[in-house]
mmCIF file of all heavy atoms, coordinates in Angstrom:
data_MODEL
# 
_entry.id   MODEL 
# 
loop_
_atom_site.group_PDB 
_atom_site.id 
_atom_site.type_symbol 
_atom_site.label_atom_id 
_atom_site.label_alt_id 
_atom_site.label_comp_id 
_atom_site.label_asym_id 
_atom_site.label_entity_id 
_atom_site.label_seq_id 
_atom_site.pdbx_PDB_ins_code 
_atom_site.Cartn_x 
_atom_site.Cartn_y 
_atom_site.Cartn_z 
_atom_site.occupancy 
_atom_site.B_iso_or_equiv 
_atom_site.pdbx_formal_charge 
_atom_site.auth_seq_id 
_atom_site.auth_comp_id 
_atom_site.auth_asym_id 
_atom_site.auth_atom_id 
_atom_site.pdbx_PDB_model_num 
ATOM 1   N N   . PRO A 1 1  ? 0.784   -7.883  -4.017  1.00 0.00 ? 1  PRO A N   1 
ATOM 2   C CA  . PRO A 1 1  ? 0.120   -8.996  -4.721  1.00 0.00 ? 1  PRO A CA  1 
ATOM 3   C C   . PRO A 1 1  ? -0.535  -8.596  -6.041  1.00 0.00 ? 1  PRO A C   1 
ATOM 4   O O   . PRO A 1 1  ? -1.156  -9.418  -6.656  1.00 0.00 ? 1  PRO A O   1 
ATOM 5   C CB  . PRO A 1 1  ? -0.982  -9.387  -3.687  1.00 0.00 ? 1  PRO A CB  1 
ATOM 6   C CG  . PRO A 1 1  ? -1.280  -8.143  -2.970  1.00 0.00 ? 1  PRO A CG  1 
ATOM 7   C CD  . PRO A 1 1  ? 0.029   -7.384  -2.883  1.00 0.00 ? 1  PRO A CD  1 
ATOM 8   N N   . TRP A 1 2  ? -0.361  -7.372  -6.468  1.00 0.00 ? 2  TRP A N   1 
ATOM 9   C CA  . TRP A 1 2  ? -0.959  -6.892  -7.698  1.00 0.00 ? 2  TRP A CA  1 
ATOM 10  C C   . TRP A 1 2  ? -0.068  -7.141  -8.901  1.00 0.00 ? 2  TRP A C   1 
ATOM 11  O O   . TRP A 1 2  ? 1.094   -7.361  -8.783  1.00 0.00 ? 2  TRP A O   1 
ATOM 12  C CB  . TRP A 1 2  ? -1.256  -5.387  -7.569  1.00 0.00 ? 2  TRP A CB  1 
ATOM 13  C CG  . TRP A 1 2  ? -0.125  -4.647  -6.983  1.00 0.00 ? 2  TRP A CG  1 
ATOM 14  C CD1 . TRP A 1 2  ? 0.976   -4.173  -7.595  1.00 0.00 ? 2  TRP A CD1 1 
ATOM 15  C CD2 . TRP A 1 2  ? 0.007   -4.246  -5.596  1.00 0.00 ? 2  TRP A CD2 1 
ATOM 16  N NE1 . TRP A 1 2  ? 1.819   -3.557  -6.695  1.00 0.00 ? 2  TRP A NE1 1 
ATOM 17  C CE2 . TRP A 1 2  ? 1.230   -3.575  -5.455  1.00 0.00 ? 2  TRP A CE2 1 
ATOM 18  C CE3 . TRP A 1 2  ? -0.812  -4.413  -4.492  1.00 0.00 ? 2  TRP A CE3 1 
ATOM 19  C CZ2 . TRP A 1 2  ? 1.663   -3.074  -4.251  1.00 0.00 ? 2  TRP A CZ2 1 
ATOM 20  C CZ3 . TRP A 1 2  ? -0.341  -3.920  -3.273  1.00 0.00 ? 2  TRP A CZ3 1 
ATOM 21  C CH2 . TRP A 1 2  ? 0.875   -3.261  -3.182  1.00 0.00 ? 2  TRP A CH2 1 
ATOM 22  N N   . GLN A 1 3  ? -0.701  -7.043  -10.049 1.00 0.00 ? 3  GLN A N   1 
ATOM 23  C CA  . GLN A 1 3  ? -0.007  -7.192  -11.326 1.00 0.00 ? 3  GLN A CA  1 
ATOM 24  C C   . GLN A 1 3  ? 0.436   -5.824  -11.851 1.00 0.00 ? 3  GLN A C   1 
ATOM 25  O O   . GLN A 1 3  ? -0.245  -4.859  -11.574 1.00 0.00 ? 3  GLN A O   1 
ATOM 26  C CB  . GLN A 1 3  ? -0.885  -7.923  -12.340 1.00 0.00 ? 3  GLN A CB  1 
ATOM 27  C CG  . GLN A 1 3  ? -1.304  -9.307  -11.924 1.00 0.00 ? 3  GLN A CG  1 
ATOM 28  C CD  . GLN A 1 3  ? -0.104  -10.231 -11.816 1.00 0.00 ? 3  GLN A CD  1 
ATOM 29  O OE1 . GLN A 1 3  ? 0.792   -10.237 -12.631 1.00 0.00 ? 3  GLN A OE1 1 
ATOM 30  N NE2 . GLN A 1 3  ? -0.064  -10.994 -10.751 1.00 0.00 ? 3  GLN A NE2 1 
ATOM 31  N N   . PRO A 1 4  ? 1.522   -5.745  -12.618 1.00 0.00 ? 4  PRO A N   1 
ATOM 32  C CA  . PRO A 1 4  ? 1.990   -4.441  -13.118 1.00 0.00 ? 4  PRO A CA  1 
ATOM 33  C C   . PRO A 1 4  ? 0.934   -3.651  -13.924 1.00 0.00 ? 4  PRO A C   1 
ATOM 34  O O   . PRO A 1 4  ? 0.955   -2.439  -13.915 1.00 0.00 ? 4  PRO A O   1 
ATOM 35  C CB  . PRO A 1 4  ? 3.170   -4.803  -13.979 1.00 0.00 ? 4  PRO A CB  1 
ATOM 36  C CG  . PRO A 1 4  ? 3.641   -6.116  -13.519 1.00 0.00 ? 4  PRO A CG  1 
ATOM 37  C CD  . PRO A 1 4  ? 2.403   -6.831  -12.992 1.00 0.00 ? 4  PRO A CD  1 
ATOM 38  N N   . VAL A 1 5  ? 0.048   -4.321  -14.598 1.00 0.00 ? 5  VAL A N   1 
ATOM 39  C CA  . VAL A 1 5  ? -0.924  -3.634  -15.452 1.00 0.00 ? 5  VAL A CA  1 
ATOM 40  C C   . VAL A 1 5  ? -2.276  -3.457  -14.744 1.00 0.00 ? 5  VAL A C   1 
ATOM 41  O O   . VAL A 1 5  ? -3.190  -2.872  -15.321 1.00 0.00 ? 5  VAL A O   1 
ATOM 42  C CB  . VAL A 1 5  ? -1.107  -4.323  -16.805 1.00 0.00 ? 5  VAL A CB  1 
ATOM 43  C CG1 . VAL A 1 5  ? 0.139   -4.273  -17.593 1.00 0.00 ? 5  VAL A CG1 1 
ATOM 44  C CG2 . VAL A 1 5  ? -1.612  -5.737  -16.599 1.00 0.00 ? 5  VAL A CG2 1 
ATOM 45  N N   . SER A 1 6  ? -2.438  -3.927  -13.502 1.00 0.00 ? 6  SER A N   1 
ATOM 46  C CA  . SER A 1 6  ? -3.713  -3.830  -12.804 1.00 0.00 ? 6  SER A CA  1 
ATOM 47  C C   . SER A 1 6  ? -3.813  -2.529  -12.026 1.00 0.00 ? 6  SER A C   1 
ATOM 48  O O   . SER A 1 6  ? -2.772  -1.985  -11.588 1.00 0.00 ? 6  SER A O   1 
ATOM 49  C CB  . SER A 1 6  ? -3.882  -5.027  -11.885 1.00 0.00 ? 6  SER A CB  1 
ATOM 50  O OG  . SER A 1 6  ? -2.943  -4.989  -10.858 1.00 0.00 ? 6  SER A OG  1 
ATOM 51  N N   . PRO A 1 7  ? -4.998  -2.021  -11.823 1.00 0.00 ? 7  PRO A N   1 
ATOM 52  C CA  . PRO A 1 7  ? -5.171  -0.813  -11.017 1.00 0.00 ? 7  PRO A CA  1 
ATOM 53  C C   . PRO A 1 7  ? -4.796  -1.090  -9.564  1.00 0.00 ? 7  PRO A C   1 
ATOM 54  O O   . PRO A 1 7  ? -5.053  -2.229  -9.040  1.00 0.00 ? 7  PRO A O   1 
ATOM 55  C CB  . PRO A 1 7  ? -6.647  -0.471  -11.112 1.00 0.00 ? 7  PRO A CB  1 
ATOM 56  C CG  . PRO A 1 7  ? -7.249  -1.438  -12.084 1.00 0.00 ? 7  PRO A CG  1 
ATOM 57  C CD  . PRO A 1 7  ? -6.229  -2.491  -12.383 1.00 0.00 ? 7  PRO A CD  1 
ATOM 58  N N   . VAL A 1 8  ? -4.227  -0.101  -8.898  1.00 0.00 ? 8  VAL A N   1 
ATOM 59  C CA  . VAL A 1 8  ? -3.832  -0.250  -7.488  1.00 0.00 ? 8  VAL A CA  1 
ATOM 60  C C   . VAL A 1 8  ? -4.289  0.979   -6.752  1.00 0.00 ? 8  VAL A C   1 
ATOM 61  O O   . VAL A 1 8  ? -4.164  2.104   -7.253  1.00 0.00 ? 8  VAL A O   1 
ATOM 62  C CB  . VAL A 1 8  ? -2.262  -0.352  -7.366  1.00 0.00 ? 8  VAL A CB  1 
ATOM 63  C CG1 . VAL A 1 8  ? -1.862  -0.419  -5.920  1.00 0.00 ? 8  VAL A CG1 1 
ATOM 64  C CG2 . VAL A 1 8  ? -1.780  -1.563  -8.125  1.00 0.00 ? 8  VAL A CG2 1 
ATOM 65  N N   . SER A 1 9  ? -4.843  0.795   -5.568  1.00 0.00 ? 9  SER A N   1 
ATOM 66  C CA  . SER A 1 9  ? -5.335  1.881   -4.745  1.00 0.00 ? 9  SER A CA  1 
ATOM 67  C C   . SER A 1 9  ? -4.341  2.164   -3.626  1.00 0.00 ? 9  SER A C   1 
ATOM 68  O O   . SER A 1 9  ? -3.926  1.265   -2.903  1.00 0.00 ? 9  SER A O   1 
ATOM 69  C CB  . SER A 1 9  ? -6.692  1.539   -4.125  1.00 0.00 ? 9  SER A CB  1 
ATOM 70  O OG  . SER A 1 9  ? -7.063  2.422   -3.137  1.00 0.00 ? 9  SER A OG  1 
ATOM 71  N N   . LEU A 1 10 ? -3.975  3.435   -3.489  1.00 0.00 ? 10 LEU A N   1 
ATOM 72  C CA  . LEU A 1 10 ? -3.090  3.818   -2.402  1.00 0.00 ? 10 LEU A CA  1 
ATOM 73  C C   . LEU A 1 10 ? -3.753  3.491   -1.072  1.00 0.00 ? 10 LEU A C   1 
ATOM 74  O O   . LEU A 1 10 ? -3.108  2.852   -0.192  1.00 0.00 ? 10 LEU A O   1 
ATOM 75  C CB  . LEU A 1 10 ? -2.766  5.321   -2.481  1.00 0.00 ? 10 LEU A CB  1 
ATOM 76  C CG  . LEU A 1 10 ? -1.875  5.855   -1.383  1.00 0.00 ? 10 LEU A CG  1 
ATOM 77  C CD1 . LEU A 1 10 ? -0.446  5.385   -1.580  1.00 0.00 ? 10 LEU A CD1 1 
ATOM 78  C CD2 . LEU A 1 10 ? -1.916  7.390   -1.388  1.00 0.00 ? 10 LEU A CD2 1 
ATOM 79  N N   . GLU A 1 11 ? -5.002  3.863   -0.895  1.00 0.00 ? 11 GLU A N   1 
ATOM 80  C CA  . GLU A 1 11 ? -5.695  3.673   0.384   1.00 0.00 ? 11 GLU A CA  1 
ATOM 81  C C   . GLU A 1 11 ? -6.052  2.216   0.665   1.00 0.00 ? 11 GLU A C   1 
ATOM 82  O O   . GLU A 1 11 ? -5.996  1.796   1.830   1.00 0.00 ? 11 GLU A O   1 
ATOM 83  C CB  . GLU A 1 11 ? -7.015  4.493   0.426   1.00 0.00 ? 11 GLU A CB  1 
ATOM 84  C CG  . GLU A 1 11 ? -6.827  5.959   0.270   1.00 0.00 ? 11 GLU A CG  1 
ATOM 85  C CD  . GLU A 1 11 ? -6.799  6.450   -1.190  1.00 0.00 ? 11 GLU A CD  1 
ATOM 86  O OE1 . GLU A 1 11 ? -6.859  5.639   -2.098  1.00 0.00 ? 11 GLU A OE1 1 
ATOM 87  O OE2 . GLU A 1 11 ? -6.754  7.665   -1.356  1.00 0.00 ? 11 GLU A OE2 1 
ATOM 88  N N   . GLU A 1 12 ? -6.411  1.468   -0.355  1.00 0.00 ? 12 GLU A N   1 
ATOM 89  C CA  . GLU A 1 12 ? -6.879  0.083   -0.110  1.00 0.00 ? 12 GLU A CA  1 
ATOM 90  C C   . GLU A 1 12 ? -5.779  -0.979  -0.296  1.00 0.00 ? 12 GLU A C   1 
ATOM 91  O O   . GLU A 1 12 ? -5.956  -2.086  0.205   1.00 0.00 ? 12 GLU A O   1 
ATOM 92  C CB  . GLU A 1 12 ? -8.039  -0.211  -1.036  1.00 0.00 ? 12 GLU A CB  1 
ATOM 93  C CG  . GLU A 1 12 ? -9.271  0.660   -0.722  1.00 0.00 ? 12 GLU A CG  1 
ATOM 94  C CD  . GLU A 1 12 ? -10.412 0.384   -1.659  1.00 0.00 ? 12 GLU A CD  1 
ATOM 95  O OE1 . GLU A 1 12 ? -10.442 -0.686  -2.346  1.00 0.00 ? 12 GLU A OE1 1 
ATOM 96  O OE2 . GLU A 1 12 ? -11.318 1.218   -1.724  1.00 0.00 ? 12 GLU A OE2 1 
ATOM 97  N N   . ASP A 1 13 ? -4.722  -0.641  -1.011  1.00 0.00 ? 13 ASP A N   1 
ATOM 98  C CA  . ASP A 1 13 ? -3.722  -1.661  -1.304  1.00 0.00 ? 13 ASP A CA  1 
ATOM 99  C C   . ASP A 1 13 ? -2.343  -1.330  -0.712  1.00 0.00 ? 13 ASP A C   1 
ATOM 100 O O   . ASP A 1 13 ? -1.824  -2.064  0.090   1.00 0.00 ? 13 ASP A O   1 
ATOM 101 C CB  . ASP A 1 13 ? -3.561  -1.822  -2.830  1.00 0.00 ? 13 ASP A CB  1 
ATOM 102 C CG  . ASP A 1 13 ? -4.853  -2.296  -3.505  1.00 0.00 ? 13 ASP A CG  1 
ATOM 103 O OD1 . ASP A 1 13 ? -5.519  -3.220  -2.962  1.00 0.00 ? 13 ASP A OD1 1 
ATOM 104 O OD2 . ASP A 1 13 ? -5.180  -1.748  -4.560  1.00 0.00 ? 13 ASP A OD2 1 
ATOM 105 N N   . ILE A 1 14 ? -1.801  -0.193  -1.088  1.00 0.00 ? 14 ILE A N   1 
ATOM 106 C CA  . ILE A 1 14 ? -0.424  0.140   -0.772  1.00 0.00 ? 14 ILE A CA  1 
ATOM 107 C C   . ILE A 1 14 ? -0.241  0.454   0.726   1.00 0.00 ? 14 ILE A C   1 
ATOM 108 O O   . ILE A 1 14 ? 0.624   -0.097  1.398   1.00 0.00 ? 14 ILE A O   1 
ATOM 109 C CB  . ILE A 1 14 ? 0.121   1.276   -1.661  1.00 0.00 ? 14 ILE A CB  1 
ATOM 110 C CG1 . ILE A 1 14 ? 0.137   0.792   -3.097  1.00 0.00 ? 14 ILE A CG1 1 
ATOM 111 C CG2 . ILE A 1 14 ? 1.498   1.718   -1.189  1.00 0.00 ? 14 ILE A CG2 1 
ATOM 112 C CD1 . ILE A 1 14 ? 0.489   1.859   -4.096  1.00 0.00 ? 14 ILE A CD1 1 
ATOM 113 N N   . LEU A 1 15 ? -1.046  1.401   1.247   1.00 0.00 ? 15 LEU A N   1 
ATOM 114 C CA  . LEU A 1 15 ? -0.879  1.792   2.671   1.00 0.00 ? 15 LEU A CA  1 
ATOM 115 C C   . LEU A 1 15 ? -1.168  0.626   3.615   1.00 0.00 ? 15 LEU A C   1 
ATOM 116 O O   . LEU A 1 15 ? -0.402  0.408   4.543   1.00 0.00 ? 15 LEU A O   1 
ATOM 117 C CB  . LEU A 1 15 ? -1.710  3.031   2.993   1.00 0.00 ? 15 LEU A CB  1 
ATOM 118 C CG  . LEU A 1 15 ? -1.256  4.328   2.321   1.00 0.00 ? 15 LEU A CG  1 
ATOM 119 C CD1 . LEU A 1 15 ? -2.199  5.465   2.674   1.00 0.00 ? 15 LEU A CD1 1 
ATOM 120 C CD2 . LEU A 1 15 ? 0.176   4.666   2.706   1.00 0.00 ? 15 LEU A CD2 1 
ATOM 121 N N   . PRO A 1 16 ? -2.265  -0.139  3.438   1.00 0.00 ? 16 PRO A N   1 
ATOM 122 C CA  . PRO A 1 16 ? -2.456  -1.271  4.345   1.00 0.00 ? 16 PRO A CA  1 
ATOM 123 C C   . PRO A 1 16 ? -1.327  -2.271  4.284   1.00 0.00 ? 16 PRO A C   1 
ATOM 124 O O   . PRO A 1 16 ? -0.906  -2.843  5.308   1.00 0.00 ? 16 PRO A O   1 
ATOM 125 C CB  . PRO A 1 16 ? -3.768  -1.911  3.844   1.00 0.00 ? 16 PRO A CB  1 
ATOM 126 C CG  . PRO A 1 16 ? -4.485  -0.770  3.221   1.00 0.00 ? 16 PRO A CG  1 
ATOM 127 C CD  . PRO A 1 16 ? -3.419  0.078   2.565   1.00 0.00 ? 16 PRO A CD  1 
ATOM 128 N N   . LEU A 1 17 ? -0.776  -2.562  3.088   1.00 0.00 ? 17 LEU A N   1 
ATOM 129 C CA  . LEU A 1 17 ? 0.346   -3.479  2.962   1.00 0.00 ? 17 LEU A CA  1 
ATOM 130 C C   . LEU A 1 17 ? 1.590   -2.912  3.728   1.00 0.00 ? 17 LEU A C   1 
ATOM 131 O O   . LEU A 1 17 ? 2.271   -3.671  4.424   1.00 0.00 ? 17 LEU A O   1 
ATOM 132 C CB  . LEU A 1 17 ? 0.686   -3.737  1.484   1.00 0.00 ? 17 LEU A CB  1 
ATOM 133 C CG  . LEU A 1 17 ? 1.868   -4.668  1.278   1.00 0.00 ? 17 LEU A CG  1 
ATOM 134 C CD1 . LEU A 1 17 ? 1.575   -6.066  1.798   1.00 0.00 ? 17 LEU A CD1 1 
ATOM 135 C CD2 . LEU A 1 17 ? 2.210   -4.730  -0.213  1.00 0.00 ? 17 LEU A CD2 1 
ATOM 136 N N   . ALA A 1 18 ? 1.821   -1.650  3.575   1.00 0.00 ? 18 ALA A N   1 
ATOM 137 C CA  . ALA A 1 18 ? 2.963   -1.025  4.252   1.00 0.00 ? 18 ALA A CA  1 
ATOM 138 C C   . ALA A 1 18 ? 2.799   -1.178  5.794   1.00 0.00 ? 18 ALA A C   1 
ATOM 139 O O   . ALA A 1 18 ? 3.733   -1.542  6.483   1.00 0.00 ? 18 ALA A O   1 
ATOM 140 C CB  . ALA A 1 18 ? 3.059   0.441   3.900   1.00 0.00 ? 18 ALA A CB  1 
ATOM 141 N N   . LEU A 1 19 ? 1.623   -0.902  6.308   1.00 0.00 ? 19 LEU A N   1 
ATOM 142 C CA  . LEU A 1 19 ? 1.390   -1.020  7.748   1.00 0.00 ? 19 LEU A CA  1 
ATOM 143 C C   . LEU A 1 19 ? 1.481   -2.445  8.210   1.00 0.00 ? 19 LEU A C   1 
ATOM 144 O O   . LEU A 1 19 ? 2.075   -2.734  9.258   1.00 0.00 ? 19 LEU A O   1 
ATOM 145 C CB  . LEU A 1 19 ? -0.011  -0.417  8.088   1.00 0.00 ? 19 LEU A CB  1 
ATOM 146 C CG  . LEU A 1 19 ? -0.106  1.091   7.877   1.00 0.00 ? 19 LEU A CG  1 
ATOM 147 C CD1 . LEU A 1 19 ? -1.575  1.551   8.022   1.00 0.00 ? 19 LEU A CD1 1 
ATOM 148 C CD2 . LEU A 1 19 ? 0.798   1.803   8.856   1.00 0.00 ? 19 LEU A CD2 1 
ATOM 149 N N   . GLN A 1 20 ? 0.903   -3.373  7.460   1.00 0.00 ? 20 GLN A N   1 
ATOM 150 C CA  . GLN A 1 20 ? 0.981   -4.805  7.825   1.00 0.00 ? 20 GLN A CA  1 
ATOM 151 C C   . GLN A 1 20 ? 2.425   -5.309  7.790   1.00 0.00 ? 20 GLN A C   1 
ATOM 152 O O   . GLN A 1 20 ? 2.774   -6.197  8.563   1.00 0.00 ? 20 GLN A O   1 
ATOM 153 C CB  . GLN A 1 20 ? 0.129   -5.642  6.879   1.00 0.00 ? 20 GLN A CB  1 
ATOM 154 C CG  . GLN A 1 20 ? -1.360  -5.403  7.035   1.00 0.00 ? 20 GLN A CG  1 
ATOM 155 C CD  . GLN A 1 20 ? -2.178  -6.052  5.914   1.00 0.00 ? 20 GLN A CD  1 
ATOM 156 O OE1 . GLN A 1 20 ? -1.612  -6.703  5.030   1.00 0.00 ? 20 GLN A OE1 1 
ATOM 157 N NE2 . GLN A 1 20 ? -3.490  -5.841  5.973   1.00 0.00 ? 20 GLN A NE2 1 
ATOM 158 N N   . SER A 1 21 ? 3.227   -4.733  6.935   1.00 0.00 ? 21 SER A N   1 
ATOM 159 C CA  . SER A 1 21 ? 4.649   -5.159  6.812   1.00 0.00 ? 21 SER A CA  1 
ATOM 160 C C   . SER A 1 21 ? 5.539   -4.471  7.826   1.00 0.00 ? 21 SER A C   1 
ATOM 161 O O   . SER A 1 21 ? 6.747   -4.706  7.839   1.00 0.00 ? 21 SER A O   1 
ATOM 162 C CB  . SER A 1 21 ? 5.142   -4.810  5.409   1.00 0.00 ? 21 SER A CB  1 
ATOM 163 O OG  . SER A 1 21 ? 4.379   -5.444  4.412   1.00 0.00 ? 21 SER A OG  1 
ATOM 164 N N   . GLY A 1 22 ? 4.957   -3.607  8.661   1.00 0.00 ? 22 GLY A N   1 
ATOM 165 C CA  . GLY A 1 22 ? 5.758   -2.900  9.649   1.00 0.00 ? 22 GLY A CA  1 
ATOM 166 C C   . GLY A 1 22 ? 6.538   -1.718  9.132   1.00 0.00 ? 22 GLY A C   1 
ATOM 167 O O   . GLY A 1 22 ? 7.443   -1.237  9.814   1.00 0.00 ? 22 GLY A O   1 
ATOM 168 N N   . LYS A 1 23 ? 6.186   -1.274  7.946   1.00 0.00 ? 23 LYS A N   1 
ATOM 169 C CA  . LYS A 1 23 ? 6.858   -0.077  7.366   1.00 0.00 ? 23 LYS A CA  1 
ATOM 170 C C   . LYS A 1 23 ? 6.447   1.154   8.124   1.00 0.00 ? 23 LYS A C   1 
ATOM 171 O O   . LYS A 1 23 ? 5.315   1.241   8.661   1.00 0.00 ? 23 LYS A O   1 
ATOM 172 C CB  . LYS A 1 23 ? 6.538   0.064   5.878   1.00 0.00 ? 23 LYS A CB  1 
ATOM 173 C CG  . LYS A 1 23 ? 6.871   -1.107  5.032   1.00 0.00 ? 23 LYS A CG  1 
ATOM 174 C CD  . LYS A 1 23 ? 8.370   -1.145  4.771   1.00 0.00 ? 23 LYS A CD  1 
ATOM 175 C CE  . LYS A 1 23 ? 8.654   -2.282  3.782   1.00 0.00 ? 23 LYS A CE  1 
ATOM 176 N NZ  . LYS A 1 23 ? 10.028  -2.477  3.562   1.00 0.00 ? 23 LYS A NZ  1 
ATOM 177 N N   . ARG A 1 24 ? 7.288   2.146   8.163   1.00 0.00 ? 24 ARG A N   1 
ATOM 178 C CA  . ARG A 1 24 ? 6.968   3.425   8.736   1.00 0.00 ? 24 ARG A CA  1 
ATOM 179 C C   . ARG A 1 24 ? 6.145   4.249   7.736   1.00 0.00 ? 24 ARG A C   1 
ATOM 180 O O   . ARG A 1 24 ? 6.561   4.341   6.579   1.00 0.00 ? 24 ARG A O   1 
ATOM 181 C CB  . ARG A 1 24 ? 8.219   4.149   9.160   1.00 0.00 ? 24 ARG A CB  1 
ATOM 182 C CG  . ARG A 1 24 ? 8.963   3.414   10.259  1.00 0.00 ? 24 ARG A CG  1 
ATOM 183 C CD  . ARG A 1 24 ? 10.104  4.227   10.821  1.00 0.00 ? 24 ARG A CD  1 
ATOM 184 N NE  . ARG A 1 24 ? 10.973  4.794   9.777   1.00 0.00 ? 24 ARG A NE  1 
ATOM 185 C CZ  . ARG A 1 24 ? 11.948  5.617   10.014  1.00 0.00 ? 24 ARG A CZ  1 
ATOM 186 N NH1 . ARG A 1 24 ? 12.215  6.019   11.245  1.00 0.00 ? 24 ARG A NH1 1 
ATOM 187 N NH2 . ARG A 1 24 ? 12.674  6.084   9.037   1.00 0.00 ? 24 ARG A NH2 1 
ATOM 188 N N   . VAL A 1 25 ? 5.008   4.767   8.159   1.00 0.00 ? 25 VAL A N   1 
ATOM 189 C CA  . VAL A 1 25 ? 4.190   5.601   7.322   1.00 0.00 ? 25 VAL A CA  1 
ATOM 190 C C   . VAL A 1 25 ? 4.036   6.930   8.002   1.00 0.00 ? 25 VAL A C   1 
ATOM 191 O O   . VAL A 1 25 ? 3.689   6.981   9.182   1.00 0.00 ? 25 VAL A O   1 
ATOM 192 C CB  . VAL A 1 25 ? 2.804   4.901   7.113   1.00 0.00 ? 25 VAL A CB  1 
ATOM 193 C CG1 . VAL A 1 25 ? 1.870   5.805   6.311   1.00 0.00 ? 25 VAL A CG1 1 
ATOM 194 C CG2 . VAL A 1 25 ? 2.984   3.572   6.398   1.00 0.00 ? 25 VAL A CG2 1 
ATOM 195 N N   . PHE A 1 26 ? 4.255   7.985   7.295   1.00 0.00 ? 26 PHE A N   1 
ATOM 196 C CA  . PHE A 1 26 ? 4.189   9.344   7.844   1.00 0.00 ? 26 PHE A CA  1 
ATOM 197 C C   . PHE A 1 26 ? 3.129   10.159  7.112   1.00 0.00 ? 26 PHE A C   1 
ATOM 198 O O   . PHE A 1 26 ? 2.889   9.943   5.923   1.00 0.00 ? 26 PHE A O   1 
ATOM 199 C CB  . PHE A 1 26 ? 5.531   10.074  7.741   1.00 0.00 ? 26 PHE A CB  1 
ATOM 200 C CG  . PHE A 1 26 ? 6.640   9.369   8.487   1.00 0.00 ? 26 PHE A CG  1 
ATOM 201 C CD1 . PHE A 1 26 ? 7.442   8.473   7.837   1.00 0.00 ? 26 PHE A CD1 1 
ATOM 202 C CD2 . PHE A 1 26 ? 6.851   9.664   9.809   1.00 0.00 ? 26 PHE A CD2 1 
ATOM 203 C CE1 . PHE A 1 26 ? 8.477   7.842   8.524   1.00 0.00 ? 26 PHE A CE1 1 
ATOM 204 C CE2 . PHE A 1 26 ? 7.902   9.034   10.498  1.00 0.00 ? 26 PHE A CE2 1 
ATOM 205 C CZ  . PHE A 1 26 ? 8.688   8.136   9.839   1.00 0.00 ? 26 PHE A CZ  1 
ATOM 206 N N   . GLY A 1 27 ? 2.547   11.104  7.798   1.00 0.00 ? 27 GLY A N   1 
ATOM 207 C CA  . GLY A 1 27 ? 1.601   12.025  7.189   1.00 0.00 ? 27 GLY A CA  1 
ATOM 208 C C   . GLY A 1 27 ? 1.674   13.342  7.901   1.00 0.00 ? 27 GLY A C   1 
ATOM 209 O O   . GLY A 1 27 ? 2.258   13.460  8.980   1.00 0.00 ? 27 GLY A O   1 
ATOM 210 N N   . LEU A 1 28 ? 1.100   14.331  7.297   1.00 0.00 ? 28 LEU A N   1 
ATOM 211 C CA  . LEU A 1 28 ? 1.081   15.664  7.852   1.00 0.00 ? 28 LEU A CA  1 
ATOM 212 C C   . LEU A 1 28 ? -0.334  16.199  7.726   1.00 0.00 ? 28 LEU A C   1 
ATOM 213 O O   . LEU A 1 28 ? -0.866  16.252  6.619   1.00 0.00 ? 28 LEU A O   1 
ATOM 214 C CB  . LEU A 1 28 ? 2.070   16.598  7.107   1.00 0.00 ? 28 LEU A CB  1 
ATOM 215 C CG  . LEU A 1 28 ? 2.050   18.078  7.487   1.00 0.00 ? 28 LEU A CG  1 
ATOM 216 C CD1 . LEU A 1 28 ? 2.507   18.212  8.924   1.00 0.00 ? 28 LEU A CD1 1 
ATOM 217 C CD2 . LEU A 1 28 ? 2.936   18.868  6.530   1.00 0.00 ? 28 LEU A CD2 1 
# 
């Protein structure tokens, strides 16, 4: 839902969206 020139947070925007969308998220 962000604009190309707006700031985006990995922790607050991208990862929650990935999880809500059912994407697989991996970490080590």
